[in-house]
Amino acid sequence: MPQMCSLCGRKPVIGNMIVQRGKAKRDGGVGKKTTGVTRRFFRPNLQRVRSLVDGKPIRAWVCTRCIRAGKVTKPPRKWKANV
């Protein structure tokens, strides 16, 4: 699965997970101490959707922010008439 939105280009961002111990000074403690820092990924919420591109339906990986913002135009549904 690609890790990037095909519309806006949103991709994973690297950050830190910080582990702390102790009690905050505002709560009456002596302050928080950092005991560990490890790397982590913030990944976009990608969904595989059918969308119209140049009048043709294709499947693309799109983030949910683009779907909710209405940037994806979905093709019309096919239906059968009961005749």
C-alpha atoms as a PDB file:
ATOM      1  CA  MET A   1       0.000   0.000   0.000  1.00  0.00           C
ATOM      2  CA  PRO A   2       1.417   3.403  -0.847  1.00  0.00           C
ATOM      3  CA  GLN A   3       1.877   5.659   2.137  1.00  0.00           C
ATOM      4  CA  MET A   4       0.785   8.817   0.323  1.00  0.00           C
ATOM      5  CA  CYS A   5      -2.539  10.441  -0.579  1.00  0.00           C
ATOM      6  CA  SER A   6      -2.933  10.669  -4.358  1.00  0.00           C
ATOM      7  CA  LEU A   7      -4.813  14.001  -4.124  1.00  0.00           C
ATOM      8  CA  CYS A   8      -3.062  16.145  -1.522  1.00  0.00           C
ATOM      9  CA  GLY A   9       0.238  14.274  -1.188  1.00  0.00           C
ATOM     10  CA  ARG A  10      -0.092  13.753   2.552  1.00  0.00           C
ATOM     11  CA  LYS A  11       2.489  11.211   3.747  1.00  0.00           C
ATOM     12  CA  PRO A  12       3.875   9.843   7.036  1.00  0.00           C
ATOM     13  CA  VAL A  13       5.611  12.280   9.361  1.00  0.00           C
ATOM     14  CA  ILE A  14       8.247  11.231  11.883  1.00  0.00           C
ATOM     15  CA  GLY A  15       7.961  12.376  15.494  1.00  0.00           C
ATOM     16  CA  ASN A  16       8.969  11.354  19.002  1.00  0.00           C
ATOM     17  CA  MET A  17       7.333   9.351  21.779  1.00  0.00           C
ATOM     18  CA  ILE A  18       8.524  10.867  25.070  1.00  0.00           C
ATOM     19  CA  VAL A  19       8.286   8.828  28.283  1.00  0.00           C
ATOM     20  CA  GLN A  20       8.328  10.866  31.483  1.00  0.00           C
ATOM     21  CA  ARG A  21       8.197  10.108  35.187  1.00  0.00           C
ATOM     22  CA  GLY A  22       7.541  12.221  38.232  1.00  0.00           C
ATOM     23  CA  LYS A  23       4.918  14.747  39.211  1.00  0.00           C
ATOM     24  CA  ALA A  24       4.484  18.130  37.533  1.00  0.00           C
ATOM     25  CA  LYS A  25       5.503  21.214  39.528  1.00  0.00           C
ATOM     26  CA  ARG A  26       2.042  22.715  39.191  1.00  0.00           C
ATOM     27  CA  ASP A  27       0.678  19.625  40.971  1.00  0.00           C
ATOM     28  CA  GLY A  28       3.109  19.986  43.880  1.00  0.00           C
ATOM     29  CA  GLY A  29       5.908  17.773  42.570  1.00  0.00           C
ATOM     30  CA  VAL A  30       9.563  18.477  41.818  1.00  0.00           C
ATOM     31  CA  GLY A  31       9.059  18.344  38.020  1.00  0.00           C
ATOM     32  CA  LYS A  32       8.817  15.774  35.263  1.00  0.00           C
ATOM     33  CA  LYS A  33      11.928  13.892  34.177  1.00  0.00           C
ATOM     34  CA  THR A  34      12.338  12.449  30.668  1.00  0.00           C
ATOM     35  CA  THR A  35      13.353   8.790  30.834  1.00  0.00           C
ATOM     36  CA  GLY A  36      13.163   7.810  27.169  1.00  0.00           C
ATOM     37  CA  VAL A  37      12.689   9.171  23.663  1.00  0.00           C
ATOM     38  CA  THR A  38      11.866   6.862  20.740  1.00  0.00           C
ATOM     39  CA  ARG A  39      10.948   7.642  17.140  1.00  0.00           C
ATOM     40  CA  ARG A  40       7.445   7.029  15.822  1.00  0.00           C
ATOM     41  CA  PHE A  41       5.390   7.594  12.665  1.00  0.00           C
ATOM     42  CA  PHE A  42       2.233   9.643  12.270  1.00  0.00           C
ATOM     43  CA  ARG A  43       0.567   7.960   9.286  1.00  0.00           C
ATOM     44  CA  PRO A  44      -2.335   9.412   7.267  1.00  0.00           C
ATOM     45  CA  ASN A  45      -5.638   7.532   7.320  1.00  0.00           C
ATOM     46  CA  LEU A  46      -5.696   6.281   3.724  1.00  0.00           C
ATOM     47  CA  GLN A  47      -8.699   4.594   2.124  1.00  0.00           C
ATOM     48  CA  ARG A  48      -8.941   2.950  -1.296  1.00  0.00           C
ATOM     49  CA  VAL A  49     -11.795   4.617  -3.179  1.00  0.00           C
ATOM     50  CA  ARG A  50     -13.093   4.704  -6.739  1.00  0.00           C
ATOM     51  CA  SER A  51     -12.946   8.223  -8.148  1.00  0.00           C
ATOM     52  CA  LEU A  52     -13.415   9.912 -11.490  1.00  0.00           C
ATOM     53  CA  VAL A  53     -10.188  11.177 -13.086  1.00  0.00           C
ATOM     54  CA  ASP A  54     -10.499  12.629 -16.595  1.00  0.00           C
ATOM     55  CA  GLY A  55     -13.944  11.020 -16.908  1.00  0.00           C
ATOM     56  CA  LYS A  56     -12.721   7.496 -16.134  1.00  0.00           C
ATOM     57  CA  PRO A  57     -13.221   5.678 -12.831  1.00  0.00           C
ATOM     58  CA  ILE A  58      -9.970   4.623 -11.166  1.00  0.00           C
ATOM     59  CA  ARG A  59      -9.079   3.234  -7.749  1.00  0.00           C
ATOM     60  CA  ALA A  60      -6.836   5.500  -5.697  1.00  0.00           C
ATOM     61  CA  TRP A  61      -5.487   5.779  -2.154  1.00  0.00           C
ATOM     62  CA  VAL A  62      -7.013   8.940  -0.675  1.00  0.00           C
ATOM     63  CA  CYS A  63      -6.811  10.292   2.868  1.00  0.00           C
ATOM     64  CA  THR A  64     -10.036  10.706   4.822  1.00  0.00           C
ATOM     65  CA  ARG A  65      -9.558  14.473   5.043  1.00  0.00           C
ATOM     66  CA  CYS A  66      -9.841  14.713   1.241  1.00  0.00           C
ATOM     67  CA  ILE A  67     -12.877  12.425   1.210  1.00  0.00           C
ATOM     68  CA  ARG A  68     -14.654  14.501   3.868  1.00  0.00           C
ATOM     69  CA  ALA A  69     -13.705  17.770   2.157  1.00  0.00           C
ATOM     70  CA  GLY A  70     -15.405  16.581  -1.061  1.00  0.00           C
ATOM     71  CA  LYS A  71     -12.244  16.522  -3.188  1.00  0.00           C
ATOM     72  CA  VAL A  72     -13.147  13.039  -4.459  1.00  0.00           C
ATOM     73  CA  THR A  73     -15.793  12.794  -7.185  1.00  0.00           C
ATOM     74  CA  LYS A  74     -17.217   9.289  -7.144  1.00  0.00           C
ATOM     75  CA  PRO A  75     -18.525   7.666 -10.325  1.00  0.00           C
ATOM     76  CA  PRO A  76     -22.290   7.105 -10.635  1.00  0.00           C
ATOM     77  CA  ARG A  77     -23.596   3.767  -9.399  1.00  0.00           C
ATOM     78  CA  LYS A  78     -24.843   1.225 -11.902  1.00  0.00           C
ATOM     79  CA  TRP A  79     -28.342  -0.064 -11.255  1.00  0.00           C
ATOM     80  CA  LYS A  80     -30.697  -2.501 -12.928  1.00  0.00           C
ATOM     81  CA  ALA A  81     -34.348  -1.847 -13.483  1.00  0.00           C
ATOM     82  CA  ASN A  82     -36.674  -4.717 -12.599  1.00  0.00           C
ATOM     83  CA  VAL A  83     -38.372  -5.292 -15.940  1.00  0.00           C
END
